[in-house]
Amino acid sequence: MRAHTEQFKLVAMTLVISILSALFIGLLVDAIYEAPQYEDFCESYNYAEPYRWKLAEQQNCAYIQTEEERQCYKDGGFPEYNYDVKGCGTYKECNFCNKEFNDATNIYNRNVFFIVAPIGLILILFGVFYGIGFIASGFMFGGIFSVAYGTIRHFSGMSKVMRVIVIFIELVIVIWLAIKKLKKWL
């Protein structure tokens, strides 16, 4: 019974080390390298403000979508309008703040991947060569969680081919490390 209790403690410590090491890496990167903020790209806009009229008082407006509006949507923007006293809108300009924010977020996520995934691989490598079993296992799992976190952050920004290549490279590295570490048990 005592042996089961000791094994449970080792498993618990392994889990704690793995979770805390992965959290530490993620939070450290977040603290040092700030994510883009929506407010830095798009003004806080009160969409109710231009509508000084009540909906019941709004006149029938003839609306025909212009080529500029269509092109705005195709280019990833959203049209903005000027409203007259009747509540009828005319195309004013194309606003690209959402697109710019999304582009900056994709770059940020890519950079987080290039920071966190190698650190995760270093943790796995440290776990492979560290002498105390449960601590080594904790760092290996923490490294795996970190690599997964970095990969997931950038996954939607990768092309389909790049996704396959990245996962393949990560898999090869982890299998190689596992063979190096675990071949004595094979």
N, C-alpha and C. Protein backbone atom coordinates (compact mmCIF):
# COMPACT_ATOMS: atom_id res chain seq x y z
N MET A 1 0.82 -1.20 0.00
CA MET A 1 0.00 0.00 0.00
C MET A 1 0.86 1.26 0.00
N ARG A 2 1.94 1.21 0.76
CA ARG A 2 2.83 2.36 0.85
C ARG A 2 3.48 2.65 -0.51
N ALA A 3 3.80 1.59 -1.26
CA ALA A 3 4.42 1.77 -2.58
C ALA A 3 3.48 2.49 -3.52
N HIS A 4 2.16 2.18 -3.43
CA HIS A 4 1.17 2.87 -4.28
C HIS A 4 1.08 4.34 -3.92
N THR A 5 1.16 4.65 -2.64
CA THR A 5 1.11 6.04 -2.19
C THR A 5 2.31 6.81 -2.71
N GLU A 6 3.47 6.20 -2.64
CA GLU A 6 4.69 6.86 -3.12
C GLU A 6 4.62 7.06 -4.64
N GLN A 7 4.12 6.08 -5.35
CA GLN A 7 3.99 6.22 -6.80
C GLN A 7 2.99 7.32 -7.16
N PHE A 8 1.91 7.39 -6.40
CA PHE A 8 0.92 8.43 -6.62
C PHE A 8 1.55 9.82 -6.41
N LYS A 9 2.38 9.95 -5.38
CA LYS A 9 3.07 11.21 -5.11
C LYS A 9 4.00 11.58 -6.28
N LEU A 10 4.70 10.60 -6.81
CA LEU A 10 5.59 10.86 -7.94
C LEU A 10 4.81 11.30 -9.18
N VAL A 11 3.70 10.64 -9.43
CA VAL A 11 2.85 11.01 -10.57
C VAL A 11 2.30 12.42 -10.37
N ALA A 12 1.85 12.72 -9.15
CA ALA A 12 1.32 14.05 -8.85
C ALA A 12 2.40 15.12 -9.05
N MET A 13 3.61 14.86 -8.57
CA MET A 13 4.69 15.81 -8.73
C MET A 13 5.06 15.99 -10.22
N THR A 14 5.04 14.90 -10.95
CA THR A 14 5.31 14.98 -12.39
C THR A 14 4.28 15.87 -13.07
N LEU A 15 3.01 15.67 -12.74
CA LEU A 15 1.95 16.51 -13.33
C LEU A 15 2.11 17.97 -12.94
N VAL A 16 2.40 18.23 -11.67
CA VAL A 16 2.57 19.61 -11.21
C VAL A 16 3.74 20.28 -11.93
N ILE A 17 4.86 19.59 -12.03
CA ILE A 17 6.03 20.15 -12.72
C ILE A 17 5.70 20.41 -14.18
N SER A 18 5.03 19.48 -14.82
CA SER A 18 4.72 19.65 -16.24
C SER A 18 3.78 20.82 -16.47
N ILE A 19 2.74 20.93 -15.67
CA ILE A 19 1.77 22.01 -15.83
C ILE A 19 2.40 23.37 -15.50
N LEU A 20 3.10 23.43 -14.39
CA LEU A 20 3.71 24.71 -13.99
C LEU A 20 4.81 25.15 -14.94
N SER A 21 5.60 24.22 -15.46
CA SER A 21 6.66 24.63 -16.39
C SER A 21 6.06 25.16 -17.69
N ALA A 22 5.02 24.51 -18.19
CA ALA A 22 4.37 24.99 -19.41
C ALA A 22 3.69 26.34 -19.17
N LEU A 23 3.01 26.47 -18.03
CA LEU A 23 2.39 27.76 -17.70
C LEU A 23 3.43 28.86 -17.56
N PHE A 24 4.54 28.53 -16.91
CA PHE A 24 5.61 29.51 -16.73
C PHE A 24 6.10 30.04 -18.07
N ILE A 25 6.33 29.14 -19.01
CA ILE A 25 6.82 29.56 -20.32
C ILE A 25 5.78 30.43 -21.02
N GLY A 26 4.54 29.99 -21.04
CA GLY A 26 3.47 30.77 -21.69
C GLY A 26 3.29 32.14 -21.06
N LEU A 27 3.27 32.20 -19.74
CA LEU A 27 3.08 33.48 -19.06
C LEU A 27 4.30 34.38 -19.19
N LEU A 28 5.48 33.80 -19.19
CA LEU A 28 6.70 34.60 -19.37
C LEU A 28 6.71 35.26 -20.75
N VAL A 29 6.39 34.50 -21.77
CA VAL A 29 6.34 35.06 -23.12
C VAL A 29 5.28 36.14 -23.20
N ASP A 30 4.12 35.90 -22.60
CA ASP A 30 3.04 36.88 -22.60
C ASP A 30 3.45 38.16 -21.86
N ALA A 31 4.21 38.03 -20.79
CA ALA A 31 4.63 39.20 -20.02
C ALA A 31 5.69 40.01 -20.75
N ILE A 32 6.56 39.34 -21.47
CA ILE A 32 7.67 40.02 -22.15
C ILE A 32 7.25 40.52 -23.53
N TYR A 33 6.44 39.77 -24.21
CA TYR A 33 6.07 40.06 -25.60
C TYR A 33 4.56 40.23 -25.67
N GLU A 34 4.10 41.47 -25.67
CA GLU A 34 2.67 41.75 -25.59
C GLU A 34 1.96 41.48 -26.91
N ALA A 35 0.76 40.97 -26.77
CA ALA A 35 -0.09 40.70 -27.93
C ALA A 35 -0.67 42.00 -28.46
N PRO A 36 -0.97 42.06 -29.75
CA PRO A 36 -1.63 43.25 -30.29
C PRO A 36 -3.00 43.44 -29.62
N GLN A 37 -3.34 44.68 -29.38
CA GLN A 37 -4.63 45.01 -28.77
C GLN A 37 -5.55 45.60 -29.84
N TYR A 38 -6.78 45.18 -29.83
CA TYR A 38 -7.75 45.64 -30.82
C TYR A 38 -7.85 47.17 -30.84
N GLU A 39 -7.82 47.76 -29.66
CA GLU A 39 -7.97 49.21 -29.54
C GLU A 39 -6.83 49.97 -30.21
N ASP A 40 -5.68 49.33 -30.39
CA ASP A 40 -4.56 49.99 -31.05
C ASP A 40 -4.76 50.08 -32.57
N PHE A 41 -5.70 49.32 -33.09
CA PHE A 41 -5.94 49.30 -34.52
C PHE A 41 -7.29 49.92 -34.89
N CYS A 42 -8.28 49.71 -34.05
CA CYS A 42 -9.64 50.18 -34.34
C CYS A 42 -10.12 51.08 -33.21
N GLU A 43 -10.70 52.19 -33.60
CA GLU A 43 -11.27 53.07 -32.59
C GLU A 43 -12.44 52.39 -31.92
N SER A 44 -12.64 52.72 -30.68
CA SER A 44 -13.84 52.26 -30.01
C SER A 44 -14.98 53.09 -30.59
N TYR A 45 -15.83 52.45 -31.31
CA TYR A 45 -16.84 53.16 -32.07
C TYR A 45 -18.22 52.83 -31.53
N ASN A 46 -18.97 53.84 -31.20
CA ASN A 46 -20.33 53.65 -30.72
C ASN A 46 -21.26 53.65 -31.94
N TYR A 47 -21.68 52.47 -32.35
CA TYR A 47 -22.47 52.37 -33.56
C TYR A 47 -23.86 52.97 -33.40
N ALA A 48 -24.32 53.17 -32.18
CA ALA A 48 -25.62 53.79 -31.98
C ALA A 48 -25.56 55.30 -32.16
N GLU A 49 -24.37 55.88 -32.02
CA GLU A 49 -24.21 57.33 -32.07
C GLU A 49 -24.71 57.97 -33.37
N PRO A 50 -24.37 57.44 -34.55
CA PRO A 50 -24.81 58.14 -35.78
C PRO A 50 -26.32 58.10 -35.98
N TYR A 51 -26.98 57.21 -35.30
CA TYR A 51 -28.41 57.04 -35.51
C TYR A 51 -29.18 57.93 -34.54
N ARG A 52 -29.30 59.18 -34.89
CA ARG A 52 -29.99 60.11 -34.00
C ARG A 52 -31.49 60.02 -34.15
N TRP A 53 -31.91 59.33 -35.13
CA TRP A 53 -33.33 59.18 -35.38
C TRP A 53 -33.81 57.88 -34.75
N LYS A 54 -35.08 57.77 -34.58
CA LYS A 54 -35.65 56.51 -34.10
C LYS A 54 -35.94 55.64 -35.31
N LEU A 55 -35.84 54.35 -35.11
CA LEU A 55 -36.05 53.46 -36.25
C LEU A 55 -37.42 53.65 -36.88
N ALA A 56 -38.41 53.97 -36.07
CA ALA A 56 -39.76 54.16 -36.59
C ALA A 56 -39.83 55.38 -37.51
N GLU A 57 -38.94 56.34 -37.30
CA GLU A 57 -38.96 57.56 -38.09
C GLU A 57 -38.08 57.46 -39.33
N GLN A 58 -37.29 56.38 -39.43
CA GLN A 58 -36.38 56.25 -40.57
C GLN A 58 -37.18 56.18 -41.87
N GLN A 59 -36.72 56.95 -42.83
CA GLN A 59 -37.38 57.00 -44.13
C GLN A 59 -36.98 55.78 -44.94
N ASN A 60 -37.78 55.48 -45.95
CA ASN A 60 -37.39 54.42 -46.88
C ASN A 60 -36.20 54.93 -47.69
N CYS A 61 -35.14 54.21 -47.62
CA CYS A 61 -33.92 54.62 -48.31
C CYS A 61 -33.67 53.66 -49.46
N ALA A 62 -33.34 54.21 -50.58
CA ALA A 62 -32.96 53.38 -51.72
C ALA A 62 -31.49 53.02 -51.53
N TYR A 63 -31.22 51.73 -51.46
CA TYR A 63 -29.84 51.31 -51.24
C TYR A 63 -29.40 50.41 -52.38
N ILE A 64 -28.32 50.78 -52.99
CA ILE A 64 -27.69 49.95 -54.02
C ILE A 64 -26.22 49.85 -53.64
N GLN A 65 -25.75 48.63 -53.48
CA GLN A 65 -24.35 48.44 -53.10
C GLN A 65 -23.45 48.88 -54.25
N THR A 66 -22.47 49.70 -53.91
CA THR A 66 -21.56 50.21 -54.94
C THR A 66 -20.42 49.23 -55.17
N GLU A 67 -19.73 49.42 -56.27
CA GLU A 67 -18.56 48.60 -56.58
C GLU A 67 -17.48 48.81 -55.53
N GLU A 68 -17.37 50.04 -55.02
CA GLU A 68 -16.38 50.33 -53.97
C GLU A 68 -16.66 49.51 -52.71
N GLU A 69 -17.95 49.39 -52.35
CA GLU A 69 -18.32 48.59 -51.18
C GLU A 69 -17.99 47.12 -51.40
N ARG A 70 -18.32 46.61 -52.56
CA ARG A 70 -18.01 45.21 -52.88
C ARG A 70 -16.50 44.96 -52.79
N GLN A 71 -15.73 45.89 -53.37
CA GLN A 71 -14.28 45.76 -53.34
C GLN A 71 -13.76 45.84 -51.92
N CYS A 72 -14.37 46.67 -51.11
CA CYS A 72 -13.99 46.81 -49.70
C CYS A 72 -14.13 45.46 -48.98
N TYR A 73 -15.25 44.79 -49.17
CA TYR A 73 -15.46 43.47 -48.56
C TYR A 73 -14.45 42.45 -49.09
N LYS A 74 -14.21 42.48 -50.40
CA LYS A 74 -13.25 41.54 -50.99
C LYS A 74 -11.85 41.74 -50.44
N ASP A 75 -11.50 43.00 -50.16
CA ASP A 75 -10.17 43.32 -49.65
C ASP A 75 -10.03 43.11 -48.14
N GLY A 76 -11.10 42.67 -47.49
CA GLY A 76 -11.04 42.37 -46.07
C GLY A 76 -11.41 43.53 -45.16
N GLY A 77 -11.96 44.59 -45.72
CA GLY A 77 -12.36 45.73 -44.90
C GLY A 77 -13.86 45.71 -44.63
N PHE A 78 -14.32 46.76 -43.97
CA PHE A 78 -15.76 46.92 -43.84
C PHE A 78 -16.10 48.37 -44.13
N PRO A 79 -17.18 48.57 -44.90
CA PRO A 79 -17.54 49.92 -45.31
C PRO A 79 -18.05 50.76 -44.15
N GLU A 80 -17.76 52.04 -44.21
CA GLU A 80 -18.34 53.01 -43.28
C GLU A 80 -19.22 53.94 -44.10
N TYR A 81 -20.23 54.50 -43.44
CA TYR A 81 -21.23 55.30 -44.14
C TYR A 81 -21.41 56.65 -43.48
N ASN A 82 -21.84 57.60 -44.27
CA ASN A 82 -22.34 58.88 -43.77
C ASN A 82 -23.86 58.78 -43.77
N TYR A 83 -24.49 59.29 -42.73
CA TYR A 83 -25.94 59.21 -42.62
C TYR A 83 -26.54 60.62 -42.66
N ASP A 84 -27.61 60.73 -43.42
CA ASP A 84 -28.28 62.02 -43.49
C ASP A 84 -29.36 62.09 -42.41
N VAL A 85 -30.11 63.17 -42.38
CA VAL A 85 -31.11 63.37 -41.33
C VAL A 85 -32.25 62.36 -41.41
N LYS A 86 -32.43 61.76 -42.56
CA LYS A 86 -33.47 60.74 -42.72
C LYS A 86 -33.00 59.37 -42.25
N GLY A 87 -31.70 59.26 -42.00
CA GLY A 87 -31.16 57.96 -41.58
C GLY A 87 -30.65 57.14 -42.73
N CYS A 88 -30.61 57.71 -43.91
CA CYS A 88 -30.12 56.99 -45.09
C CYS A 88 -28.61 57.13 -45.17
N GLY A 89 -27.95 56.03 -45.45
CA GLY A 89 -26.50 56.01 -45.49
C GLY A 89 -25.94 56.03 -46.89
N THR A 90 -24.83 56.74 -47.04
CA THR A 90 -24.08 56.71 -48.29
C THR A 90 -22.66 56.28 -47.95
N TYR A 91 -22.07 55.53 -48.86
CA TYR A 91 -20.73 55.00 -48.65
C TYR A 91 -19.74 56.13 -48.43
N LYS A 92 -18.93 55.99 -47.36
CA LYS A 92 -17.93 57.01 -47.04
C LYS A 92 -16.53 56.50 -47.35
N GLU A 93 -16.16 55.36 -46.75
CA GLU A 93 -14.81 54.83 -46.94
C GLU A 93 -14.75 53.38 -46.48
N CYS A 94 -13.64 52.76 -46.80
CA CYS A 94 -13.42 51.38 -46.37
C CYS A 94 -12.47 51.38 -45.17
N ASN A 95 -12.87 50.71 -44.12
CA ASN A 95 -12.07 50.66 -42.90
C ASN A 95 -11.40 49.28 -42.82
N PHE A 96 -10.07 49.29 -42.72
CA PHE A 96 -9.29 48.05 -42.70
C PHE A 96 -8.74 47.72 -41.31
N CYS A 97 -9.27 48.35 -40.26
CA CYS A 97 -8.67 48.14 -38.94
C CYS A 97 -8.76 46.68 -38.49
N ASN A 98 -9.87 46.00 -38.76
CA ASN A 98 -9.99 44.59 -38.37
C ASN A 98 -8.96 43.74 -39.10
N LYS A 99 -8.79 44.00 -40.38
CA LYS A 99 -7.80 43.25 -41.17
C LYS A 99 -6.40 43.51 -40.64
N GLU A 100 -6.08 44.76 -40.34
CA GLU A 100 -4.77 45.10 -39.81
C GLU A 100 -4.54 44.43 -38.46
N PHE A 101 -5.58 44.43 -37.62
CA PHE A 101 -5.47 43.77 -36.32
C PHE A 101 -5.27 42.27 -36.49
N ASN A 102 -6.02 41.65 -37.39
CA ASN A 102 -5.87 40.20 -37.62
C ASN A 102 -4.50 39.87 -38.19
N ASP A 103 -4.00 40.71 -39.09
CA ASP A 103 -2.65 40.50 -39.65
C ASP A 103 -1.60 40.59 -38.54
N ALA A 104 -1.72 41.59 -37.67
CA ALA A 104 -0.77 41.75 -36.57
C ALA A 104 -0.87 40.57 -35.60
N THR A 105 -2.07 40.08 -35.35
CA THR A 105 -2.27 38.94 -34.45
C THR A 105 -1.66 37.68 -35.05
N ASN A 106 -1.80 37.49 -36.36
CA ASN A 106 -1.18 36.33 -37.02
C ASN A 106 0.33 36.37 -36.91
N ILE A 107 0.92 37.54 -37.08
CA ILE A 107 2.37 37.69 -36.94
C ILE A 107 2.78 37.41 -35.50
N TYR A 108 2.01 37.94 -34.55
CA TYR A 108 2.30 37.70 -33.13
C TYR A 108 2.26 36.20 -32.82
N ASN A 109 1.22 35.52 -33.29
CA ASN A 109 1.09 34.08 -33.03
C ASN A 109 2.23 33.29 -33.67
N ARG A 110 2.65 33.70 -34.86
CA ARG A 110 3.80 33.06 -35.50
C ARG A 110 5.06 33.24 -34.65
N ASN A 111 5.26 34.45 -34.15
CA ASN A 111 6.44 34.73 -33.33
C ASN A 111 6.39 33.96 -32.01
N VAL A 112 5.20 33.86 -31.41
CA VAL A 112 5.06 33.07 -30.19
C VAL A 112 5.43 31.62 -30.46
N PHE A 113 5.02 31.10 -31.59
CA PHE A 113 5.39 29.73 -31.98
C PHE A 113 6.90 29.59 -32.05
N PHE A 114 7.57 30.55 -32.71
CA PHE A 114 9.02 30.47 -32.86
C PHE A 114 9.78 30.70 -31.55
N ILE A 115 9.11 31.24 -30.56
CA ILE A 115 9.72 31.41 -29.24
C ILE A 115 9.44 30.20 -28.36
N VAL A 116 8.17 29.81 -28.27
CA VAL A 116 7.74 28.79 -27.31
C VAL A 116 8.10 27.38 -27.74
N ALA A 117 7.94 27.05 -29.01
CA ALA A 117 8.21 25.67 -29.46
C ALA A 117 9.67 25.27 -29.21
N PRO A 118 10.66 26.10 -29.55
CA PRO A 118 12.04 25.71 -29.23
C PRO A 118 12.30 25.60 -27.73
N ILE A 119 11.70 26.47 -26.94
CA ILE A 119 11.86 26.36 -25.48
C ILE A 119 11.26 25.05 -25.00
N GLY A 120 10.11 24.68 -25.56
CA GLY A 120 9.50 23.40 -25.22
C GLY A 120 10.39 22.23 -25.59
N LEU A 121 11.02 22.32 -26.76
CA LEU A 121 11.95 21.25 -27.16
C LEU A 121 13.16 21.18 -26.24
N ILE A 122 13.62 22.34 -25.78
CA ILE A 122 14.73 22.35 -24.80
C ILE A 122 14.29 21.69 -23.50
N LEU A 123 13.07 21.96 -23.06
CA LEU A 123 12.56 21.30 -21.84
C LEU A 123 12.50 19.79 -22.02
N ILE A 124 12.03 19.36 -23.19
CA ILE A 124 11.98 17.91 -23.46
C ILE A 124 13.39 17.34 -23.41
N LEU A 125 14.31 18.02 -24.06
CA LEU A 125 15.70 17.57 -24.08
C LEU A 125 16.28 17.53 -22.67
N PHE A 126 16.00 18.55 -21.87
CA PHE A 126 16.43 18.58 -20.48
C PHE A 126 15.87 17.37 -19.73
N GLY A 127 14.60 17.09 -19.97
CA GLY A 127 13.97 15.94 -19.32
C GLY A 127 14.60 14.62 -19.72
N VAL A 128 15.04 14.54 -20.97
CA VAL A 128 15.67 13.31 -21.45
C VAL A 128 16.97 13.03 -20.70
N PHE A 129 17.73 14.07 -20.43
CA PHE A 129 19.06 13.87 -19.86
C PHE A 129 19.17 14.13 -18.37
N TYR A 130 18.10 14.64 -17.73
CA TYR A 130 18.15 14.91 -16.30
C TYR A 130 18.02 13.60 -15.53
N GLY A 131 18.71 13.49 -14.43
CA GLY A 131 18.83 12.22 -13.73
C GLY A 131 17.65 11.81 -12.86
N ILE A 132 16.92 12.72 -12.26
CA ILE A 132 15.84 12.35 -11.35
C ILE A 132 14.57 12.13 -12.16
N GLY A 133 14.07 10.90 -12.13
CA GLY A 133 13.01 10.45 -13.01
C GLY A 133 11.75 11.29 -13.04
N PHE A 134 11.15 11.55 -11.89
CA PHE A 134 9.86 12.25 -11.90
C PHE A 134 10.03 13.71 -12.30
N ILE A 135 11.17 14.32 -11.96
CA ILE A 135 11.43 15.70 -12.39
C ILE A 135 11.67 15.73 -13.90
N ALA A 136 12.45 14.78 -14.38
CA ALA A 136 12.71 14.68 -15.82
C ALA A 136 11.40 14.49 -16.58
N SER A 137 10.56 13.61 -16.08
CA SER A 137 9.27 13.37 -16.74
C SER A 137 8.41 14.63 -16.72
N GLY A 138 8.43 15.34 -15.61
CA GLY A 138 7.67 16.59 -15.51
C GLY A 138 8.12 17.60 -16.54
N PHE A 139 9.43 17.76 -16.70
CA PHE A 139 9.93 18.70 -17.70
C PHE A 139 9.65 18.22 -19.12
N MET A 140 9.71 16.92 -19.33
CA MET A 140 9.39 16.40 -20.66
C MET A 140 7.93 16.70 -21.01
N PHE A 141 7.01 16.42 -20.08
CA PHE A 141 5.60 16.73 -20.33
C PHE A 141 5.38 18.23 -20.47
N GLY A 142 6.06 19.02 -19.63
CA GLY A 142 5.96 20.48 -19.74
C GLY A 142 6.42 20.96 -21.11
N GLY A 143 7.51 20.36 -21.60
CA GLY A 143 7.99 20.68 -22.94
C GLY A 143 6.99 20.30 -24.01
N ILE A 144 6.39 19.15 -23.85
CA ILE A 144 5.37 18.71 -24.82
C ILE A 144 4.20 19.67 -24.82
N PHE A 145 3.74 20.07 -23.63
CA PHE A 145 2.63 21.03 -23.53
C PHE A 145 3.03 22.36 -24.17
N SER A 146 4.27 22.79 -23.95
CA SER A 146 4.74 24.07 -24.51
C SER A 146 4.80 24.02 -26.04
N VAL A 147 5.34 22.93 -26.56
CA VAL A 147 5.40 22.78 -28.02
C VAL A 147 3.98 22.77 -28.59
N ALA A 148 3.08 22.05 -27.93
CA ALA A 148 1.69 22.01 -28.40
C ALA A 148 1.06 23.41 -28.34
N TYR A 149 1.30 24.14 -27.26
CA TYR A 149 0.75 25.49 -27.12
C TYR A 149 1.27 26.40 -28.24
N GLY A 150 2.57 26.39 -28.47
CA GLY A 150 3.13 27.22 -29.52
C GLY A 150 2.59 26.86 -30.89
N THR A 151 2.48 25.57 -31.14
CA THR A 151 1.97 25.10 -32.43
C THR A 151 0.51 25.50 -32.62
N ILE A 152 -0.28 25.31 -31.59
CA ILE A 152 -1.71 25.65 -31.68
C ILE A 152 -1.89 27.15 -31.90
N ARG A 153 -1.06 27.99 -31.25
CA ARG A 153 -1.18 29.44 -31.42
C ARG A 153 -1.03 29.84 -32.88
N HIS A 154 -0.15 29.19 -33.60
CA HIS A 154 0.14 29.59 -34.97
C HIS A 154 -0.50 28.68 -36.02
N PHE A 155 -1.14 27.62 -35.59
CA PHE A 155 -1.64 26.60 -36.51
C PHE A 155 -2.56 27.18 -37.58
N SER A 156 -3.51 28.04 -37.21
CA SER A 156 -4.45 28.57 -38.20
C SER A 156 -3.76 29.52 -39.18
N GLY A 157 -2.61 30.07 -38.80
CA GLY A 157 -1.88 30.96 -39.70
C GLY A 157 -0.96 30.24 -40.66
N MET A 158 -0.82 28.93 -40.49
CA MET A 158 0.05 28.15 -41.37
C MET A 158 -0.74 27.64 -42.58
N SER A 159 -0.03 27.45 -43.66
CA SER A 159 -0.65 26.79 -44.81
C SER A 159 -0.83 25.30 -44.48
N LYS A 160 -1.62 24.62 -45.26
CA LYS A 160 -1.84 23.19 -45.02
C LYS A 160 -0.54 22.40 -45.10
N VAL A 161 0.30 22.76 -46.06
CA VAL A 161 1.57 22.05 -46.23
C VAL A 161 2.48 22.33 -45.03
N MET A 162 2.52 23.60 -44.60
CA MET A 162 3.36 23.96 -43.46
C MET A 162 2.90 23.26 -42.19
N ARG A 163 1.61 23.09 -42.02
CA ARG A 163 1.09 22.36 -40.84
C ARG A 163 1.65 20.94 -40.80
N VAL A 164 1.60 20.28 -41.96
CA VAL A 164 2.10 18.91 -42.05
C VAL A 164 3.60 18.88 -41.75
N ILE A 165 4.35 19.81 -42.32
CA ILE A 165 5.81 19.85 -42.12
C ILE A 165 6.14 20.09 -40.65
N VAL A 166 5.47 21.05 -40.01
CA VAL A 166 5.76 21.38 -38.61
C VAL A 166 5.44 20.19 -37.71
N ILE A 167 4.28 19.60 -37.90
CA ILE A 167 3.90 18.45 -37.06
C ILE A 167 4.86 17.29 -37.30
N PHE A 168 5.26 17.07 -38.55
CA PHE A 168 6.20 16.00 -38.86
C PHE A 168 7.54 16.24 -38.15
N ILE A 169 8.07 17.46 -38.24
CA ILE A 169 9.34 17.77 -37.59
C ILE A 169 9.24 17.59 -36.08
N GLU A 170 8.16 18.08 -35.49
CA GLU A 170 7.98 17.91 -34.04
C GLU A 170 7.89 16.43 -33.67
N LEU A 171 7.17 15.67 -34.48
CA LEU A 171 7.02 14.23 -34.22
C LEU A 171 8.37 13.52 -34.32
N VAL A 172 9.15 13.83 -35.35
CA VAL A 172 10.46 13.21 -35.52
C VAL A 172 11.36 13.52 -34.33
N ILE A 173 11.37 14.78 -33.90
CA ILE A 173 12.21 15.18 -32.77
C ILE A 173 11.80 14.44 -31.50
N VAL A 174 10.51 14.38 -31.25
CA VAL A 174 10.03 13.71 -30.03
C VAL A 174 10.31 12.20 -30.10
N ILE A 175 10.11 11.58 -31.25
CA ILE A 175 10.40 10.14 -31.39
C ILE A 175 11.89 9.89 -31.20
N TRP A 176 12.74 10.74 -31.79
CA TRP A 176 14.18 10.60 -31.64
C TRP A 176 14.57 10.71 -30.17
N LEU A 177 14.03 11.71 -29.48
CA LEU A 177 14.33 11.87 -28.06
C LEU A 177 13.81 10.70 -27.24
N ALA A 178 12.64 10.20 -27.58
CA ALA A 178 12.08 9.06 -26.86
C ALA A 178 12.96 7.82 -27.04
N ILE A 179 13.44 7.59 -28.25
CA ILE A 179 14.30 6.45 -28.49
C ILE A 179 15.60 6.59 -27.70
N LYS A 180 16.17 7.82 -27.71
CA LYS A 180 17.40 8.06 -26.96
C LYS A 180 17.21 7.78 -25.47
N LYS A 181 16.07 8.20 -24.95
CA LYS A 181 15.81 8.09 -23.52
C LYS A 181 15.34 6.69 -23.13
N LEU A 182 14.51 6.12 -23.95
CA LEU A 182 13.80 4.90 -23.55
C LEU A 182 14.35 3.62 -24.18
N LYS A 183 15.41 3.69 -24.99
CA LYS A 183 15.88 2.48 -25.68
C LYS A 183 16.41 1.43 -24.70
N LYS A 184 16.83 1.85 -23.53
CA LYS A 184 17.30 0.87 -22.55
C LYS A 184 16.16 -0.04 -22.06
N TRP A 185 14.90 0.43 -22.23
CA TRP A 185 13.76 -0.37 -21.79
C TRP A 185 13.18 -1.19 -22.92
N LEU A 186 13.70 -1.03 -24.12
CA LEU A 186 13.16 -1.76 -25.28
C LEU A 186 13.73 -3.16 -25.35
